[in-house]
Amino acid sequence: MRAIFVLISLNSLLESAPTASDCAADDFSKVKMCAQIMPPKIWNVVPKEEFESKKSKFQEFLTCLGGSTCEQTQSLLKMEKAKMDILESMCEINGCLGNGTYENHKFKCEHTEKLRDCLDPKYSACLNAKIATDEKCTSSDAEKFEKIMKSVVEVCQMNIDHKEKFKGRG
């Protein structure tokens, strides 16, 4: 699972890491080492209490990488922090999104509805509609989720910007 975490969440670093740069090479090695701190299934929506233990491990991960002066790693850390903030918000409405509910709705929007572009307003609308009509979710949960989706779109844009900025450096 940790290997999956490294591959998925640090994909941007791999795509943009300049092979000629000692900074990026050193940081990539450090990222791989620090990723070992992360628990399995770090990005799953869980009850708020369970999230707190994940958050402390994530803080250890950030501390482990905190000394980086590489612009690419700083950009990546900013995205990872934003993703953790989103996960924390999702965990606050775990009764609605937990037990695979969010992941199932996301899968349906991405694969059944063929909406894979996280910047496409139809993608957000699809997820918002599925959450709003899910029997486990209250209207308050749906309102909170709409706000969360705005943050998801922001992180999506950050990821695109990161890849574009560091394209050709690796």
C-alpha atoms as a PDB file:
ATOM      1  CA  MET A   1       0.000   0.000   0.000  1.00  0.00           C
ATOM      2  CA  ARG A   2       2.828   2.396   0.769  1.00  0.00           C
ATOM      3  CA  ALA A   3       4.243   1.739  -2.670  1.00  0.00           C
ATOM      4  CA  ILE A   4       0.871   2.654  -4.156  1.00  0.00           C
ATOM      5  CA  PHE A   5       0.868   5.853  -2.093  1.00  0.00           C
ATOM      6  CA  VAL A   6       4.288   6.766  -3.456  1.00  0.00           C
ATOM      7  CA  LEU A   7       3.220   6.056  -7.025  1.00  0.00           C
ATOM      8  CA  ILE A   8      -0.100   7.876  -6.887  1.00  0.00           C
ATOM      9  CA  SER A   9       0.418  10.878  -4.652  1.00  0.00           C
ATOM     10  CA  LEU A  10       3.924  11.607  -5.852  1.00  0.00           C
ATOM     11  CA  ASN A  11       3.259  11.045  -9.539  1.00  0.00           C
ATOM     12  CA  SER A  12       3.728  14.748 -10.167  1.00  0.00           C
ATOM     13  CA  LEU A  13       7.216  14.661  -8.727  1.00  0.00           C
ATOM     14  CA  LEU A  14       8.146  11.725 -10.939  1.00  0.00           C
ATOM     15  CA  GLU A  15       6.844  13.416 -14.056  1.00  0.00           C
ATOM     16  CA  SER A  16       8.574  16.698 -13.337  1.00  0.00           C
ATOM     17  CA  ALA A  17      11.758  15.705 -11.499  1.00  0.00           C
ATOM     18  CA  PRO A  18      14.795  16.918 -13.421  1.00  0.00           C
ATOM     19  CA  THR A  19      17.215  14.031 -13.719  1.00  0.00           C
ATOM     20  CA  ALA A  20      20.167  16.412 -13.967  1.00  0.00           C
ATOM     21  CA  SER A  21      19.261  18.234 -10.792  1.00  0.00           C
ATOM     22  CA  ASP A  22      20.834  17.112  -7.541  1.00  0.00           C
ATOM     23  CA  CYS A  23      18.030  18.909  -5.738  1.00  0.00           C
ATOM     24  CA  ALA A  24      15.275  16.877  -7.381  1.00  0.00           C
ATOM     25  CA  ALA A  25      17.187  13.592  -7.175  1.00  0.00           C
ATOM     26  CA  ASP A  26      17.906  14.104  -3.486  1.00  0.00           C
ATOM     27  CA  ASP A  27      14.318  15.129  -2.839  1.00  0.00           C
ATOM     28  CA  PHE A  28      12.907  12.133  -4.697  1.00  0.00           C
ATOM     29  CA  SER A  29      15.011   9.802  -2.536  1.00  0.00           C
ATOM     30  CA  LYS A  30      13.829  11.647   0.540  1.00  0.00           C
ATOM     31  CA  VAL A  31      10.186  11.478  -0.577  1.00  0.00           C
ATOM     32  CA  LYS A  32      10.469   7.710  -1.026  1.00  0.00           C
ATOM     33  CA  MET A  33      11.982   7.386   2.449  1.00  0.00           C
ATOM     34  CA  CYS A  34       9.433   9.685   4.096  1.00  0.00           C
ATOM     35  CA  ALA A  35       6.507   7.940   2.370  1.00  0.00           C
ATOM     36  CA  GLN A  36       7.222   4.902   4.537  1.00  0.00           C
ATOM     37  CA  ILE A  37       5.740   6.904   7.422  1.00  0.00           C
ATOM     38  CA  MET A  38       2.331   7.038   5.760  1.00  0.00           C
ATOM     39  CA  PRO A  39      -0.203   4.433   6.882  1.00  0.00           C
ATOM     40  CA  PRO A  40      -1.937   2.213   4.343  1.00  0.00           C
ATOM     41  CA  LYS A  41      -5.197   3.544   2.918  1.00  0.00           C
ATOM     42  CA  ILE A  42      -4.258   7.084   3.966  1.00  0.00           C
ATOM     43  CA  TRP A  43      -6.778   8.663   1.583  1.00  0.00           C
ATOM     44  CA  ASN A  44      -9.818   6.602   2.651  1.00  0.00           C
ATOM     45  CA  VAL A  45     -12.726   8.466   4.235  1.00  0.00           C
ATOM     46  CA  VAL A  46     -12.938   7.294   7.854  1.00  0.00           C
ATOM     47  CA  PRO A  47     -14.618   8.454  11.089  1.00  0.00           C
ATOM     48  CA  LYS A  48     -13.214  11.720  12.456  1.00  0.00           C
ATOM     49  CA  GLU A  49     -11.540   9.963  15.404  1.00  0.00           C
ATOM     50  CA  GLU A  50      -9.713   7.545  13.119  1.00  0.00           C
ATOM     51  CA  PHE A  51      -8.695  10.425  10.871  1.00  0.00           C
ATOM     52  CA  GLU A  52      -6.760  12.047  13.719  1.00  0.00           C
ATOM     53  CA  SER A  53      -4.248   9.180  13.795  1.00  0.00           C
ATOM     54  CA  LYS A  54      -3.839   9.458  10.017  1.00  0.00           C
ATOM     55  CA  LYS A  55      -3.349  13.185  10.338  1.00  0.00           C
ATOM     56  CA  SER A  56      -0.553  12.755  12.878  1.00  0.00           C
ATOM     57  CA  LYS A  57       1.245  10.360  10.506  1.00  0.00           C
ATOM     58  CA  PHE A  58       0.756  12.846   7.683  1.00  0.00           C
ATOM     59  CA  GLN A  59       2.283  15.571   9.878  1.00  0.00           C
ATOM     60  CA  GLU A  60       5.281  13.282  10.448  1.00  0.00           C
ATOM     61  CA  PHE A  61       5.547  12.894   6.667  1.00  0.00           C
ATOM     62  CA  LEU A  62       5.494  16.680   6.212  1.00  0.00           C
ATOM     63  CA  THR A  63       8.096  17.141   8.940  1.00  0.00           C
ATOM     64  CA  CYS A  64      10.284  14.511   7.305  1.00  0.00           C
ATOM     65  CA  LEU A  65      10.168  16.459   4.017  1.00  0.00           C
ATOM     66  CA  GLY A  66       9.975  19.889   5.582  1.00  0.00           C
ATOM     67  CA  GLY A  67      13.579  20.903   4.964  1.00  0.00           C
ATOM     68  CA  SER A  68      13.307  20.789   1.194  1.00  0.00           C
ATOM     69  CA  THR A  69      14.264  23.908  -0.688  1.00  0.00           C
ATOM     70  CA  CYS A  70      13.343  22.485  -4.097  1.00  0.00           C
ATOM     71  CA  GLU A  71      10.525  24.396  -5.719  1.00  0.00           C
ATOM     72  CA  GLN A  72       9.042  21.185  -7.129  1.00  0.00           C
ATOM     73  CA  THR A  73       8.871  19.513  -3.740  1.00  0.00           C
ATOM     74  CA  GLN A  74       7.417  22.652  -2.159  1.00  0.00           C
ATOM     75  CA  SER A  75       4.712  22.670  -4.834  1.00  0.00           C
ATOM     76  CA  LEU A  76       4.024  18.990  -4.250  1.00  0.00           C
ATOM     77  CA  LEU A  77       3.811  19.483  -0.476  1.00  0.00           C
ATOM     78  CA  LYS A  78       1.323  22.311  -0.957  1.00  0.00           C
ATOM     79  CA  MET A  79      -0.900  19.963  -2.979  1.00  0.00           C
ATOM     80  CA  GLU A  80      -0.569  17.150  -0.436  1.00  0.00           C
ATOM     81  CA  LYS A  81      -1.527  19.506   2.412  1.00  0.00           C
ATOM     82  CA  ALA A  82      -4.571  20.660   0.459  1.00  0.00           C
ATOM     83  CA  LYS A  83      -5.566  17.025  -0.180  1.00  0.00           C
ATOM     84  CA  MET A  84      -5.282  16.274   3.531  1.00  0.00           C
ATOM     85  CA  ASP A  85      -7.509  19.274   4.328  1.00  0.00           C
ATOM     86  CA  ILE A  86     -10.080  17.918   1.870  1.00  0.00           C
ATOM     87  CA  LEU A  87      -9.899  14.467   3.440  1.00  0.00           C
ATOM     88  CA  GLU A  88     -10.393  15.987   6.882  1.00  0.00           C
ATOM     89  CA  SER A  89     -13.546  17.738   5.654  1.00  0.00           C
ATOM     90  CA  MET A  90     -14.786  14.506   4.102  1.00  0.00           C
ATOM     91  CA  CYS A  91     -14.171  12.620   7.342  1.00  0.00           C
ATOM     92  CA  GLU A  92     -16.362  15.149   9.148  1.00  0.00           C
ATOM     93  CA  ILE A  93     -19.296  13.792   7.128  1.00  0.00           C
ATOM     94  CA  ASN A  94     -18.177  10.159   7.325  1.00  0.00           C
ATOM     95  CA  GLY A  95     -21.742   8.965   7.906  1.00  0.00           C
ATOM     96  CA  CYS A  96     -22.470  10.136   4.369  1.00  0.00           C
ATOM     97  CA  LEU A  97     -19.179   9.518   2.554  1.00  0.00           C
ATOM     98  CA  GLY A  98     -17.584   6.663   4.506  1.00  0.00           C
ATOM     99  CA  ASN A  99     -17.645   2.898   3.951  1.00  0.00           C
ATOM    100  CA  GLY A 100     -16.749   3.337   0.297  1.00  0.00           C
ATOM    101  CA  THR A 101     -19.700   5.592  -0.547  1.00  0.00           C
ATOM    102  CA  TYR A 102     -17.585   8.460  -1.871  1.00  0.00           C
ATOM    103  CA  GLU A 103     -15.321   6.102  -3.803  1.00  0.00           C
ATOM    104  CA  ASN A 104     -18.345   4.325  -5.350  1.00  0.00           C
ATOM    105  CA  HIS A 105     -19.955   7.584  -6.464  1.00  0.00           C
ATOM    106  CA  LYS A 106     -16.636   8.841  -7.810  1.00  0.00           C
ATOM    107  CA  PHE A 107     -16.196   5.601  -9.764  1.00  0.00           C
ATOM    108  CA  LYS A 108     -19.693   5.906 -11.233  1.00  0.00           C
ATOM    109  CA  CYS A 109     -19.098   9.488 -12.346  1.00  0.00           C
ATOM    110  CA  GLU A 110     -15.688   8.677 -13.804  1.00  0.00           C
ATOM    111  CA  HIS A 111     -16.465   5.357 -15.482  1.00  0.00           C
ATOM    112  CA  THR A 112     -20.216   5.003 -15.985  1.00  0.00           C
ATOM    113  CA  GLU A 113     -20.775   8.671 -16.829  1.00  0.00           C
ATOM    114  CA  LYS A 114     -17.323   8.976 -18.489  1.00  0.00           C
ATOM    115  CA  LEU A 115     -16.543  12.187 -16.589  1.00  0.00           C
ATOM    116  CA  ARG A 116     -12.826  11.997 -15.876  1.00  0.00           C
ATOM    117  CA  ASP A 117     -11.800  15.669 -16.065  1.00  0.00           C
ATOM    118  CA  CYS A 118     -11.895  17.032 -12.534  1.00  0.00           C
ATOM    119  CA  LEU A 119     -12.103  20.584 -13.920  1.00  0.00           C
ATOM    120  CA  ASP A 120     -15.230  19.787 -15.936  1.00  0.00           C
ATOM    121  CA  PRO A 121     -18.226  21.302 -14.114  1.00  0.00           C
ATOM    122  CA  LYS A 122     -20.207  18.191 -15.105  1.00  0.00           C
ATOM    123  CA  TYR A 123     -17.830  16.081 -12.976  1.00  0.00           C
ATOM    124  CA  SER A 124     -18.568  18.127  -9.847  1.00  0.00           C
ATOM    125  CA  ALA A 125     -22.267  18.216 -10.700  1.00  0.00           C
ATOM    126  CA  CYS A 126     -22.320  14.426 -11.051  1.00  0.00           C
ATOM    127  CA  LEU A 127     -20.701  13.854  -7.657  1.00  0.00           C
ATOM    128  CA  ASN A 128     -22.832  16.529  -5.982  1.00  0.00           C
ATOM    129  CA  ALA A 129     -26.015  14.966  -7.408  1.00  0.00           C
ATOM    130  CA  LYS A 130     -25.051  11.462  -6.304  1.00  0.00           C
ATOM    131  CA  ILE A 131     -24.262  12.649  -2.763  1.00  0.00           C
ATOM    132  CA  ALA A 132     -27.441  14.756  -2.591  1.00  0.00           C
ATOM    133  CA  THR A 133     -29.584  11.735  -3.501  1.00  0.00           C
ATOM    134  CA  ASP A 134     -27.745   9.141  -1.409  1.00  0.00           C
ATOM    135  CA  GLU A 135     -30.023   7.872   1.366  1.00  0.00           C
ATOM    136  CA  LYS A 136     -27.166   8.012   3.903  1.00  0.00           C
ATOM    137  CA  CYS A 137     -26.567  11.723   3.280  1.00  0.00           C
ATOM    138  CA  THR A 138     -28.505  14.594   4.800  1.00  0.00           C
ATOM    139  CA  SER A 139     -29.110  17.911   3.067  1.00  0.00           C
ATOM    140  CA  SER A 140     -26.491  19.384   5.407  1.00  0.00           C
ATOM    141  CA  ASP A 141     -24.006  16.715   4.269  1.00  0.00           C
ATOM    142  CA  ALA A 142     -24.770  17.555   0.636  1.00  0.00           C
ATOM    143  CA  GLU A 143     -24.160  21.271   1.278  1.00  0.00           C
ATOM    144  CA  LYS A 144     -20.847  20.516   2.983  1.00  0.00           C
ATOM    145  CA  PHE A 145     -19.874  18.223   0.129  1.00  0.00           C
ATOM    146  CA  GLU A 146     -20.530  20.957  -2.444  1.00  0.00           C
ATOM    147  CA  LYS A 147     -17.998  23.133  -0.594  1.00  0.00           C
ATOM    148  CA  ILE A 148     -15.556  20.217  -0.478  1.00  0.00           C
ATOM    149  CA  MET A 149     -15.906  19.758  -4.244  1.00  0.00           C
ATOM    150  CA  LYS A 150     -14.819  23.362  -4.775  1.00  0.00           C
ATOM    151  CA  SER A 151     -11.598  22.499  -2.936  1.00  0.00           C
ATOM    152  CA  VAL A 152     -11.220  19.317  -4.998  1.00  0.00           C
ATOM    153  CA  VAL A 153     -11.381  21.411  -8.169  1.00  0.00           C
ATOM    154  CA  GLU A 154      -8.760  23.805  -6.744  1.00  0.00           C
ATOM    155  CA  VAL A 155      -6.392  20.899  -6.009  1.00  0.00           C
ATOM    156  CA  CYS A 156      -7.022  19.511  -9.479  1.00  0.00           C
ATOM    157  CA  GLN A 157      -5.972  22.865 -10.936  1.00  0.00           C
ATOM    158  CA  MET A 158      -2.915  22.949  -8.648  1.00  0.00           C
ATOM    159  CA  ASN A 159      -1.894  19.528  -9.960  1.00  0.00           C
ATOM    160  CA  ILE A 160      -2.276  20.629 -13.582  1.00  0.00           C
ATOM    161  CA  ASP A 161      -0.318  23.827 -12.902  1.00  0.00           C
ATOM    162  CA  HIS A 162       2.429  21.840 -11.149  1.00  0.00           C
ATOM    163  CA  LYS A 163       2.790  19.428 -14.057  1.00  0.00           C
ATOM    164  CA  GLU A 164       2.830  22.271 -16.576  1.00  0.00           C
ATOM    165  CA  LYS A 165       5.353  24.335 -14.633  1.00  0.00           C
ATOM    166  CA  PHE A 166       7.799  21.478 -14.210  1.00  0.00           C
ATOM    167  CA  LYS A 167       7.185  19.777 -17.571  1.00  0.00           C
ATOM    168  CA  GLY A 168      10.358  19.028 -19.455  1.00  0.00           C
ATOM    169  CA  ARG A 169      12.526  18.952 -16.359  1.00  0.00           C
ATOM    170  CA  GLY A 170      12.610  15.213 -16.093  1.00  0.00           C
END
